[in-house]
Amino acid sequence: MVCGLGEVGYRVAELLLDLGEQVTVVTLAGREEWVDIVRKQGANVHIGDARNADFLIRCGLADVDSVIACTHNDGTNVEVMLDVRRSFPEKRTIARIVDPSMAHHAEKHLGVHRAIAMTAAAAPIFAAATYGDSILTALNVGSDRFLALRVTGPQKLDEPPLLVISSEGDCVTTQSTELKRGESAVVMSHADTMHDKAPKHQRRHSLLRALSPVAMSRFVREVWINTTVQLRAVWTVILFVFVASVVVFQFGLKLSLVDSLYFVVTTATTTGYGDITPKDSVGWIKLYTCFMMIISAAGLAILFSMVTDYVLSARMVQFRGHHHVPEFGHVIVVGAGAAGFRTVEELIRLEAPVVAIDRAEDGEYVGSIRSKTHVVIGDAREPDTLVRAGIKHAKSIVILTPSDTVNLGIGLTAKELNPEVRVVLSIMDADFADKVSSIAEIDAALSSPVLAAPTFVGAALFETAVASFRLGARFCTLCKDPSGQVSLGGVRMSLDVRMLPGKAPNEL
């Protein structure tokens, strides 16, 4: 039984029907097109409120094996789960819960078998798309995190694949690490091994870059900007006195320009080697030297205070969780909602430099994201906002606002500002996502409901399911199994593979 026929519910019901399962859909409202499609595929559709326990029973709750509550509202989904548990505690329950804390409590205290956030299921794939790799799903086994990767031959694998699909479309298991041309495979990789694939700063010659004239001028400029107007004014007067002193001593002591500069520097820094001295000069030169010594001492004190103030300010910024925009090679995540927050987490886990953009300073996840990376507040539809986030030197941009058309517009603007940036869009409507994928400027258009649907279906079909994903015409589920042939993090697992209709066996 699927409760809710929104974007997620429709994709879940469609996948279950493709797998040949009997499906009952309960929805308060739904697109007529989707209702007609699932009905034609054999689903029993009931229009009504799933929060009404009696209504659910009339819809056939007693005859179903599992209930998936995937409406847009966490409270509704929890309420449905409580009704099911009260009426039929043996039924397997799967709920869509956006709030991670609520998801934890739903599983631990409310009797929900699986609480799944669509954004959590889709975030690893969005993160992977920023650097072109293909992650099918992510799974946690104890304290270890693994990623299921789709790879194509020919290539040499680091370890035996989970399964291989031959060029003829046959699904085989093998211990060979040689992937031939035309073959595709699923490999399980520890998340830590993915660090080298994530976009990172170029670390070579970093010290030389830091000492370059451009970097030094940038440092001086930041120190100057960070200083108060009063200190800037005093420091400007002292610099004028310093320059004037070079001229005064050049003519007053009859020195060359270089020797005069040398004398001024040694005097200002209180070094005083004694090789040049005004002791035999006229009185006004001695008095001017005394004046310059006092001014120089004040100048050094002010210089040290300016640098110290800059360093302390930078430390305070770090202490408050603020960060700087990386110079180049970073990933920009637009939209600091649940999807953006989880994608930022995934990218940081992969050690990729990240900058987030959101319109609201007081957004629900802005504070949490700001503690991890730099956040630019502004409308990403405006080129200036993207420029402030470093779009011209960014490696990739992931756009995750709630509006499909806004995401497309931001992606096209980003491509105009930096034709080399990789653009990844979140498009909720899967049909629209397919159309957007054909646009040359868009590198990847992904639908979160489509990405998350296998996780809900796998949890409903298998009590011990750990992870589920689609591989072309196949639906794959990893399940905990003491006699399984797969070992991840010391846990034995088995792989269940089912064919899906409507695609060629070797289609990816």
Protein backbone atom coordinates (compact mmCIF):
# COMPACT_ATOMS: atom_id res chain seq x y z
CA MET A 1 0.00 0.00 0.00
CA VAL A 2 1.36 3.41 -1.04
CA CYS A 3 -0.08 6.41 0.79
CA GLY A 4 0.37 9.60 -1.20
CA LEU A 5 0.67 10.01 -4.97
CA GLY A 6 2.95 13.00 -5.22
CA GLU A 7 6.29 12.95 -7.02
CA VAL A 8 7.73 10.31 -4.69
CA GLY A 9 4.57 8.24 -4.30
CA TYR A 10 4.02 8.04 -8.05
CA ARG A 11 7.59 6.88 -8.73
CA VAL A 12 7.40 4.33 -5.91
CA ALA A 13 4.06 2.95 -7.13
CA GLU A 14 5.30 2.84 -10.72
CA LEU A 15 8.43 0.92 -9.76
CA LEU A 16 6.47 -1.57 -7.66
CA LEU A 17 4.08 -2.16 -10.56
CA ASP A 18 6.99 -2.65 -12.95
CA LEU A 19 8.30 -5.33 -10.59
CA GLY A 20 4.98 -7.15 -10.83
CA GLU A 21 3.80 -6.33 -7.30
CA GLN A 22 0.16 -5.80 -6.39
CA VAL A 23 -0.21 -2.17 -5.38
CA THR A 24 -2.93 -0.24 -3.57
CA VAL A 25 -2.66 3.55 -3.71
CA VAL A 26 -4.38 5.82 -1.18
CA THR A 27 -4.20 9.51 -1.97
CA LEU A 28 -6.14 12.58 -0.92
CA ALA A 29 -5.28 14.31 -4.19
CA GLY A 30 -3.12 13.51 -7.16
CA ARG A 31 -2.49 14.43 -10.75
CA GLU A 32 -5.18 12.85 -12.89
CA GLU A 33 -2.53 11.73 -15.35
CA TRP A 34 -0.67 9.77 -12.68
CA VAL A 35 -3.85 8.28 -11.25
CA ASP A 36 -4.82 7.06 -14.71
CA ILE A 37 -1.36 5.62 -15.38
CA VAL A 38 -1.11 3.56 -12.19
CA ARG A 39 -4.70 2.37 -12.62
CA LYS A 40 -3.94 1.17 -16.15
CA GLN A 41 -0.90 -0.65 -14.80
CA GLY A 42 -3.11 -2.54 -12.36
CA ALA A 43 -3.06 -0.52 -9.13
CA ASN A 44 -6.15 -0.12 -6.95
CA VAL A 45 -6.47 3.62 -6.39
CA HIS A 46 -8.58 5.01 -3.53
CA ILE A 47 -9.16 8.75 -3.16
CA GLY A 48 -9.35 9.74 0.49
CA ASP A 49 -7.44 10.71 3.64
CA ALA A 50 -4.85 8.09 4.62
CA ARG A 51 -4.89 9.44 8.17
CA ASN A 52 -8.31 7.86 8.63
CA ALA A 53 -7.62 4.37 9.99
CA ASP A 54 -11.10 3.07 9.11
CA PHE A 55 -10.66 4.31 5.54
CA LEU A 56 -7.33 2.48 5.26
CA ILE A 57 -8.97 -0.74 6.47
CA ARG A 58 -11.70 -0.34 3.86
CA CYS A 59 -8.99 0.12 1.24
CA GLY A 60 -7.61 -3.35 2.07
CA LEU A 61 -5.00 -2.67 4.75
CA ALA A 62 -5.50 -6.14 6.19
CA ASP A 63 -4.37 -7.77 2.93
CA VAL A 64 -1.15 -5.85 2.24
CA ASP A 65 2.35 -6.85 3.30
CA SER A 66 3.85 -3.37 3.61
CA VAL A 67 2.70 0.22 3.89
CA ILE A 68 4.72 3.10 2.43
CA ALA A 69 3.68 6.57 3.64
CA CYS A 70 5.29 9.09 1.30
CA THR A 71 3.18 12.23 1.38
CA HIS A 72 4.86 15.66 1.48
CA ASN A 73 4.19 16.08 5.21
CA ASP A 74 6.22 14.34 7.94
CA GLY A 75 3.34 14.61 10.43
CA THR A 76 0.91 12.92 8.04
CA ASN A 77 3.34 10.09 7.37
CA VAL A 78 3.96 9.51 11.08
CA GLU A 79 0.21 9.58 11.79
CA VAL A 80 -0.41 6.95 9.10
CA MET A 81 2.33 4.75 10.52
CA LEU A 82 0.86 4.96 14.04
CA ASP A 83 -2.59 3.98 12.73
CA VAL A 84 -1.15 1.00 10.87
CA ARG A 85 0.85 -0.12 13.87
CA ARG A 86 -2.17 0.12 16.14
CA SER A 87 -4.43 -1.86 13.78
CA PHE A 88 -1.91 -4.33 12.34
CA PRO A 89 1.39 -4.29 14.25
CA GLU A 90 2.81 -7.09 12.06
CA LYS A 91 2.70 -4.95 8.88
CA ARG A 92 5.99 -3.63 7.58
CA THR A 93 5.98 0.19 7.62
CA ILE A 94 8.15 2.58 5.61
CA ALA A 95 7.79 6.34 6.04
CA ARG A 96 9.16 9.31 4.20
CA ILE A 97 10.59 11.56 6.94
CA VAL A 98 12.51 14.68 5.95
CA ASP A 99 13.64 15.70 9.45
CA PRO A 100 16.65 13.49 10.38
CA SER A 101 15.94 13.69 14.11
CA MET A 102 12.32 12.68 13.58
CA ALA A 103 13.45 9.84 11.31
CA HIS A 104 15.67 8.49 14.08
CA HIS A 105 12.86 8.67 16.65
CA ALA A 106 10.34 7.14 14.26
CA GLU A 107 12.47 4.03 13.91
CA LYS A 108 13.57 3.82 17.54
CA HIS A 109 10.40 4.77 19.43
CA LEU A 110 7.42 4.75 17.09
CA GLY A 111 7.79 1.30 15.60
CA VAL A 112 8.45 2.44 12.02
CA HIS A 113 10.60 -0.18 10.30
CA ARG A 114 12.32 2.28 7.96
CA ALA A 115 12.23 6.09 7.97
CA ILE A 116 13.72 7.39 4.73
CA ALA A 117 14.48 10.94 3.62
CA MET A 118 14.30 11.38 -0.15
CA THR A 119 17.07 13.96 0.07
CA ALA A 120 19.35 11.58 1.99
CA ALA A 121 18.87 8.90 -0.65
CA ALA A 122 19.54 11.32 -3.53
CA ALA A 123 22.37 13.44 -2.03
CA PRO A 124 25.24 10.99 -2.75
CA ILE A 125 24.22 10.87 -6.40
CA PHE A 126 24.05 14.68 -6.66
CA ALA A 127 27.47 14.90 -5.03
CA ALA A 128 28.91 12.31 -7.41
CA ALA A 129 27.44 14.09 -10.44
CA THR A 130 29.55 17.16 -9.65
CA TYR A 131 32.65 15.34 -10.83
CA GLY A 132 31.07 13.07 -13.43
CA ASP A 133 31.16 9.74 -11.63
CA SER A 134 28.11 7.52 -11.37
CA ILE A 135 27.07 6.60 -7.84
CA LEU A 136 24.05 4.31 -7.72
CA THR A 137 23.50 4.43 -3.97
CA ALA A 138 25.22 4.84 -0.61
CA LEU A 139 24.92 2.58 2.40
CA ASN A 140 26.16 2.57 5.96
CA VAL A 141 27.38 -0.66 7.53
CA GLY A 142 28.21 -0.06 11.18
CA SER A 143 30.66 2.84 11.23
CA ASP A 144 31.70 2.28 7.60
CA ARG A 145 30.18 3.97 4.58
CA PHE A 146 30.15 2.37 1.14
CA LEU A 147 29.19 3.60 -2.32
CA ALA A 148 27.85 1.48 -5.16
CA LEU A 149 29.47 2.71 -8.38
CA ARG A 150 28.49 2.00 -11.97
CA VAL A 151 31.53 1.55 -14.22
CA THR A 152 31.96 0.59 -17.86
CA GLY A 153 34.74 -1.28 -19.62
CA PRO A 154 37.35 -1.67 -20.70
CA GLN A 155 39.25 -1.08 -17.49
CA LYS A 156 41.06 -2.79 -14.65
CA LEU A 157 39.12 -2.81 -11.38
CA ASP A 158 40.72 -2.58 -7.97
CA GLU A 159 38.53 -5.40 -6.62
CA PRO A 160 36.02 -7.96 -7.92
CA PRO A 161 32.71 -6.35 -8.94
CA LEU A 162 29.38 -6.95 -7.26
CA LEU A 163 27.94 -7.96 -10.63
CA VAL A 164 28.76 -7.63 -14.31
CA ILE A 165 26.42 -7.09 -17.24
CA SER A 166 27.89 -8.43 -20.44
CA SER A 167 27.62 -6.76 -23.84
CA GLU A 168 24.75 -9.20 -24.61
CA GLY A 169 22.85 -8.12 -21.50
CA ASP A 170 23.54 -11.18 -19.37
CA CYS A 171 23.99 -10.61 -15.65
CA VAL A 172 26.91 -12.56 -14.17
CA THR A 173 29.00 -12.65 -11.02
CA THR A 174 32.73 -13.04 -11.32
CA GLN A 175 35.92 -12.66 -9.32
CA SER A 176 37.77 -11.26 -12.34
CA THR A 177 38.88 -7.64 -12.11
CA GLU A 178 39.21 -7.25 -15.88
CA LEU A 179 36.22 -5.43 -17.35
CA LYS A 180 36.00 -5.88 -21.12
CA ARG A 181 34.77 -3.46 -23.74
CA GLY A 182 30.97 -3.36 -23.83
CA GLU A 183 30.64 -4.67 -20.29
CA SER A 184 29.31 -2.70 -17.36
CA ALA A 185 29.64 -3.49 -13.68
CA VAL A 186 28.67 -2.47 -10.18
CA VAL A 187 31.53 -2.15 -7.73
CA MET A 188 31.35 -1.42 -4.02
CA SER A 189 33.84 1.15 -2.84
CA HIS A 190 34.60 2.42 0.63
CA ALA A 191 33.63 6.09 0.73
CA ASP A 192 37.13 7.05 1.88
CA THR A 193 38.58 5.83 -1.42
CA MET A 194 36.46 8.38 -3.27
CA HIS A 195 38.33 11.35 -1.80
CA ASP A 196 40.82 11.47 -4.66
CA LYS A 197 38.01 11.67 -7.23
CA ALA A 198 36.29 14.66 -5.67
CA PRO A 199 37.20 18.14 -6.98
CA LYS A 200 39.86 19.67 -4.79
CA HIS A 201 42.18 22.61 -4.77
CA GLN A 202 45.37 22.13 -6.72
CA ARG A 203 47.82 21.73 -3.84
CA ARG A 204 51.04 21.65 -5.87
CA HIS A 205 53.28 24.67 -5.47
CA SER A 206 50.82 26.12 -2.95
CA LEU A 207 53.66 27.80 -1.04
CA LEU A 208 54.96 29.45 -4.20
CA ARG A 209 51.46 30.69 -5.03
CA ALA A 210 51.10 32.08 -1.50
CA LEU A 211 54.34 34.04 -1.97
CA SER A 212 53.45 35.32 -5.42
CA PRO A 213 53.08 39.11 -5.91
CA VAL A 214 49.36 38.69 -6.50
CA ALA A 215 48.88 36.75 -3.25
CA MET A 216 51.02 39.21 -1.28
CA SER A 217 49.14 42.20 -2.69
CA ARG A 218 45.86 40.51 -1.80
CA PHE A 219 47.10 39.99 1.77
CA VAL A 220 48.14 43.64 2.10
CA ARG A 221 44.78 44.75 0.71
CA GLU A 222 42.86 42.57 3.20
CA VAL A 223 44.93 43.90 6.11
CA TRP A 224 44.27 47.46 4.93
CA ILE A 225 40.52 46.94 4.51
CA ASN A 226 40.26 45.28 7.92
CA THR A 227 41.87 48.31 9.64
CA THR A 228 39.95 51.27 11.08
CA VAL A 229 39.93 54.60 9.24
CA GLN A 230 41.88 56.29 12.05
CA LEU A 231 44.75 53.79 11.85
CA ARG A 232 44.82 54.09 8.08
CA ALA A 233 45.12 57.88 8.37
CA VAL A 234 47.96 57.69 10.93
CA TRP A 235 49.79 55.04 8.91
CA THR A 236 49.48 57.21 5.76
CA VAL A 237 51.09 60.17 7.61
CA ILE A 238 53.91 57.92 8.86
CA LEU A 239 54.58 56.60 5.35
CA PHE A 240 54.75 60.20 4.13
CA VAL A 241 57.28 61.03 6.86
CA PHE A 242 59.29 57.95 5.89
CA VAL A 243 59.48 58.98 2.23
CA ALA A 244 60.22 62.59 3.16
CA SER A 245 63.05 61.43 5.44
CA VAL A 246 64.79 59.70 2.53
CA VAL A 247 64.88 63.06 0.71
CA VAL A 248 65.92 65.01 3.83
CA PHE A 249 68.87 62.74 4.63
CA GLN A 250 69.92 62.48 1.00
CA PHE A 251 70.57 66.22 0.89
CA GLY A 252 71.21 66.91 4.61
CA LEU A 253 73.87 64.18 4.96
CA LYS A 254 74.92 64.33 1.29
CA LEU A 255 74.12 60.64 0.71
CA SER A 256 73.16 58.78 -2.40
CA LEU A 257 69.50 57.80 -2.77
CA VAL A 258 70.26 54.17 -1.87
CA ASP A 259 72.40 55.11 1.14
CA SER A 260 69.73 57.52 2.33
CA LEU A 261 67.05 54.82 2.05
CA TYR A 262 69.39 52.42 3.88
CA PHE A 263 69.93 54.93 6.71
CA VAL A 264 66.20 55.60 7.09
CA VAL A 265 65.38 51.87 7.26
CA THR A 266 68.10 51.06 9.82
CA THR A 267 67.02 54.02 11.94
CA ALA A 268 63.28 53.24 11.69
CA THR A 269 63.83 49.61 12.66
CA THR A 270 66.16 50.65 15.54
CA THR A 271 68.96 48.57 14.00
CA GLY A 272 71.49 51.39 13.74
CA TYR A 273 74.72 49.76 12.52
CA GLY A 274 76.66 53.00 13.13
CA ASP A 275 78.18 53.11 9.63
CA ILE A 276 76.11 56.19 8.86
CA THR A 277 75.43 58.65 11.68
CA PRO A 278 74.28 62.27 11.98
CA LYS A 279 76.47 63.00 15.04
CA ASP A 280 78.68 65.45 13.14
CA SER A 281 75.79 67.03 11.26
CA VAL A 282 74.10 70.33 11.92
CA GLY A 283 71.63 70.57 14.77
CA TRP A 284 68.44 70.49 12.74
CA ILE A 285 69.46 67.15 11.15
CA LYS A 286 69.95 65.67 14.63
CA LEU A 287 66.59 67.04 15.76
CA TYR A 288 64.91 65.66 12.62
CA THR A 289 66.54 62.27 13.27
CA CYS A 290 65.08 62.25 16.78
CA PHE A 291 61.68 63.13 15.36
CA MET A 292 61.94 60.34 12.78
CA MET A 293 62.92 57.81 15.48
CA ILE A 294 59.81 58.63 17.49
CA ILE A 295 57.55 58.53 14.43
CA SER A 296 59.14 55.25 13.29
CA ALA A 297 58.56 53.62 16.68
CA ALA A 298 54.92 54.67 16.51
CA GLY A 299 54.72 53.43 12.92
CA LEU A 300 56.02 49.98 13.85
CA ALA A 301 53.58 49.76 16.74
CA ILE A 302 50.69 50.68 14.44
CA LEU A 303 51.85 48.22 11.77
CA PHE A 304 52.00 45.40 14.30
CA SER A 305 48.56 46.33 15.62
CA MET A 306 47.10 46.28 12.10
CA VAL A 307 48.49 42.82 11.36
CA THR A 308 47.49 41.52 14.79
CA ASP A 309 43.98 42.89 14.34
CA TYR A 310 43.71 41.16 10.97
CA VAL A 311 44.93 37.82 12.36
CA LEU A 312 42.60 37.97 15.36
CA SER A 313 39.66 38.91 13.15
CA ALA A 314 40.41 35.97 10.85
CA ARG A 315 40.56 33.65 13.86
CA MET A 316 37.26 34.96 15.17
CA VAL A 317 35.67 34.41 11.77
CA GLN A 318 36.85 30.78 11.85
CA PHE A 319 35.67 30.41 15.46
CA ARG A 320 32.18 31.58 14.47
CA GLY A 321 32.16 28.98 11.71
CA HIS A 322 32.62 31.41 8.81
CA HIS A 323 34.77 30.42 5.87
CA HIS A 324 36.26 32.03 2.79
CA VAL A 325 35.35 31.36 -0.83
CA PRO A 326 38.02 29.05 -2.31
CA GLU A 327 40.09 30.59 -5.08
CA PHE A 328 39.28 27.87 -7.63
CA GLY A 329 38.24 24.24 -8.12
CA HIS A 330 35.31 24.30 -5.69
CA VAL A 331 31.69 23.13 -5.89
CA ILE A 332 28.83 25.63 -5.53
CA VAL A 333 25.60 24.28 -4.00
CA VAL A 334 22.60 26.53 -4.64
CA GLY A 335 19.72 26.10 -2.21
CA ALA A 336 20.31 25.53 1.49
CA GLY A 337 17.25 23.38 2.08
CA ALA A 338 17.22 19.75 3.15
CA ALA A 339 18.59 18.58 -0.21
CA GLY A 340 21.29 21.25 -0.22
CA PHE A 341 22.31 20.52 3.35
CA ARG A 342 22.69 16.78 2.71
CA THR A 343 24.56 17.38 -0.55
CA VAL A 344 26.96 19.75 1.21
CA GLU A 345 27.50 17.09 3.88
CA GLU A 346 28.23 14.49 1.22
CA LEU A 347 30.69 16.75 -0.62
CA ILE A 348 32.49 17.64 2.59
CA ARG A 349 32.65 13.93 3.42
CA LEU A 350 34.41 13.53 0.06
CA GLU A 351 36.74 16.41 1.05
CA ALA A 352 35.59 18.65 -1.79
CA PRO A 353 35.76 22.46 -1.23
CA VAL A 354 32.19 23.79 -1.14
CA VAL A 355 30.41 27.15 -1.23
CA ALA A 356 26.66 27.30 -0.58
CA ILE A 357 24.18 29.93 -1.79
CA ASP A 358 20.79 30.70 -0.26
CA ARG A 359 18.39 33.62 -0.42
CA ALA A 360 17.50 33.68 3.29
CA GLU A 361 19.93 34.53 6.07
CA ASP A 362 17.66 32.75 8.56
CA GLY A 363 17.01 29.62 6.47
CA GLU A 364 16.39 26.38 8.34
CA TYR A 365 19.71 24.81 7.38
CA VAL A 366 21.81 27.93 6.75
CA GLY A 367 23.33 27.92 10.23
CA SER A 368 24.28 24.25 10.01
CA ILE A 369 25.81 24.68 6.57
CA ARG A 370 27.67 27.83 7.67
CA SER A 371 29.37 25.83 10.42
CA LYS A 372 30.82 23.58 7.71
CA THR A 373 31.57 25.90 4.80
CA HIS A 374 31.11 29.40 3.39
CA VAL A 375 27.56 30.58 2.66
CA VAL A 376 26.73 33.41 0.24
CA ILE A 377 23.39 35.08 0.92
CA GLY A 378 21.66 36.26 -2.22
CA ASP A 379 19.49 35.33 -5.18
CA ALA A 380 21.43 32.88 -7.36
CA ARG A 381 19.42 34.06 -10.37
CA GLU A 382 21.48 37.26 -10.18
CA PRO A 383 24.92 36.93 -11.83
CA ASP A 384 26.51 39.00 -9.04
CA THR A 385 25.54 36.39 -6.45
CA LEU A 386 27.16 33.62 -8.49
CA VAL A 387 30.27 35.77 -8.98
CA ARG A 388 30.54 36.31 -5.21
CA ALA A 389 30.41 32.53 -4.82
CA GLY A 390 33.35 32.17 -7.23
CA ILE A 391 31.49 30.79 -10.24
CA LYS A 392 34.20 31.94 -12.66
CA HIS A 393 36.72 29.58 -11.07
CA ALA A 394 34.39 26.85 -9.79
CA LYS A 395 34.64 23.21 -10.82
CA SER A 396 30.92 22.42 -10.59
CA ILE A 397 27.60 23.87 -9.52
CA VAL A 398 24.69 21.86 -8.08
CA ILE A 399 21.34 23.67 -8.12
CA LEU A 400 18.78 22.38 -5.63
CA THR A 401 16.08 25.00 -5.18
CA PRO A 402 12.42 23.80 -5.03
CA SER A 403 11.59 25.26 -8.46
CA ASP A 404 12.56 23.29 -11.58
CA THR A 405 12.43 26.34 -13.86
CA VAL A 406 14.47 28.45 -11.43
CA ASN A 407 17.09 25.68 -11.32
CA LEU A 408 17.27 25.63 -15.12
CA GLY A 409 17.62 29.42 -15.30
CA ILE A 410 20.41 29.47 -12.71
CA GLY A 411 22.20 26.67 -14.53
CA LEU A 412 22.15 28.53 -17.84
CA THR A 413 23.35 31.74 -16.14
CA ALA A 414 26.22 29.82 -14.52
CA LYS A 415 27.22 28.42 -17.90
CA GLU A 416 27.28 31.91 -19.39
CA LEU A 417 29.59 33.12 -16.62
CA ASN A 418 31.86 30.07 -16.83
CA PRO A 419 31.48 27.83 -19.90
CA GLU A 420 33.80 25.25 -18.28
CA VAL A 421 31.76 24.73 -15.09
CA ARG A 422 29.89 21.44 -14.73
CA VAL A 423 26.17 22.13 -14.19
CA VAL A 424 24.05 19.65 -12.22
CA LEU A 425 20.35 20.38 -11.73
CA SER A 426 17.67 18.97 -9.47
CA ILE A 427 14.49 18.57 -11.52
CA MET A 428 11.62 17.07 -9.52
CA ASP A 429 9.52 16.26 -12.58
CA ALA A 430 11.25 13.23 -14.11
CA ASP A 431 9.79 13.83 -17.58
CA PHE A 432 11.01 17.42 -17.52
CA ALA A 433 14.42 16.18 -16.30
CA ASP A 434 14.75 13.97 -19.39
CA LYS A 435 14.02 16.95 -21.62
CA VAL A 436 16.41 19.24 -19.77
CA SER A 437 19.17 16.62 -20.08
CA SER A 438 19.12 17.19 -23.84
CA ILE A 439 20.21 20.83 -23.42
CA ALA A 440 23.89 21.12 -24.32
CA GLU A 441 24.67 23.57 -21.48
CA ILE A 442 23.33 21.19 -18.81
CA ASP A 443 25.65 18.35 -17.83
CA ALA A 444 23.19 16.45 -15.59
CA ALA A 445 19.51 16.86 -14.72
CA LEU A 446 18.50 14.49 -11.93
CA SER A 447 15.10 13.79 -10.39
CA SER A 448 15.21 13.20 -6.64
CA PRO A 449 11.99 11.12 -6.59
CA VAL A 450 13.40 8.80 -9.27
CA LEU A 451 16.69 8.51 -7.40
CA ALA A 452 14.99 7.81 -4.07
CA ALA A 453 12.21 5.45 -5.23
CA PRO A 454 14.39 2.28 -5.21
CA THR A 455 15.25 2.85 -1.56
CA PHE A 456 11.55 2.92 -0.58
CA VAL A 457 10.72 -0.10 -2.75
CA GLY A 458 13.64 -2.17 -1.51
CA ALA A 459 12.72 -1.46 2.11
CA ALA A 460 9.12 -2.54 1.41
CA LEU A 461 10.01 -5.78 -0.38
CA PHE A 462 12.88 -6.99 1.80
CA GLU A 463 12.91 -6.87 5.58
CA THR A 464 16.71 -7.05 5.65
CA ALA A 465 17.30 -4.61 2.76
CA VAL A 466 20.38 -2.44 3.20
CA ALA A 467 20.42 -0.62 -0.16
CA SER A 468 18.52 -0.72 -3.45
CA PHE A 469 19.23 0.78 -6.85
CA ARG A 470 18.33 0.54 -10.51
CA LEU A 471 20.83 -0.57 -13.12
CA GLY A 472 19.20 -0.17 -16.50
CA ALA A 473 16.58 -2.91 -16.82
CA ARG A 474 17.45 -4.38 -13.44
CA PHE A 475 16.36 -3.62 -9.91
CA CYS A 476 19.04 -4.62 -7.40
CA THR A 477 18.78 -4.95 -3.62
CA LEU A 478 21.52 -5.74 -1.14
CA CYS A 479 20.18 -7.63 1.89
CA LYS A 480 21.82 -8.77 5.09
CA ASP A 481 22.26 -12.53 4.76
CA PRO A 482 24.55 -14.70 6.95
CA SER A 483 25.06 -17.03 3.98
CA GLY A 484 25.50 -14.25 1.40
CA GLN A 485 28.43 -14.09 -0.99
CA VAL A 486 29.11 -10.37 -0.46
CA SER A 487 31.00 -9.04 2.56
CA LEU A 488 30.91 -5.33 3.43
CA GLY A 489 32.31 -3.99 6.67
CA GLY A 490 32.40 -7.53 8.04
CA VAL A 491 28.67 -8.08 7.35
CA ARG A 492 27.58 -10.84 4.96
CA MET A 493 25.06 -9.84 2.30
CA SER A 494 23.29 -11.25 -0.72
CA LEU A 495 22.27 -9.47 -3.91
CA ASP A 496 18.76 -9.82 -5.31
CA VAL A 497 18.40 -8.82 -8.98
CA ARG A 498 15.02 -8.46 -10.72
CA MET A 499 14.31 -7.55 -14.33
CA LEU A 500 12.21 -4.51 -15.20
CA PRO A 501 10.05 -4.42 -18.33
CA GLY A 502 10.32 -1.94 -21.15
CA LYS A 503 14.11 -1.79 -21.49
CA ALA A 504 16.73 -3.83 -23.27
CA PRO A 505 18.67 -6.05 -20.84
CA ASN A 506 21.97 -4.31 -21.59
CA GLU A 507 20.58 -0.76 -21.39
CA LEU A 508 22.06 1.46 -18.70
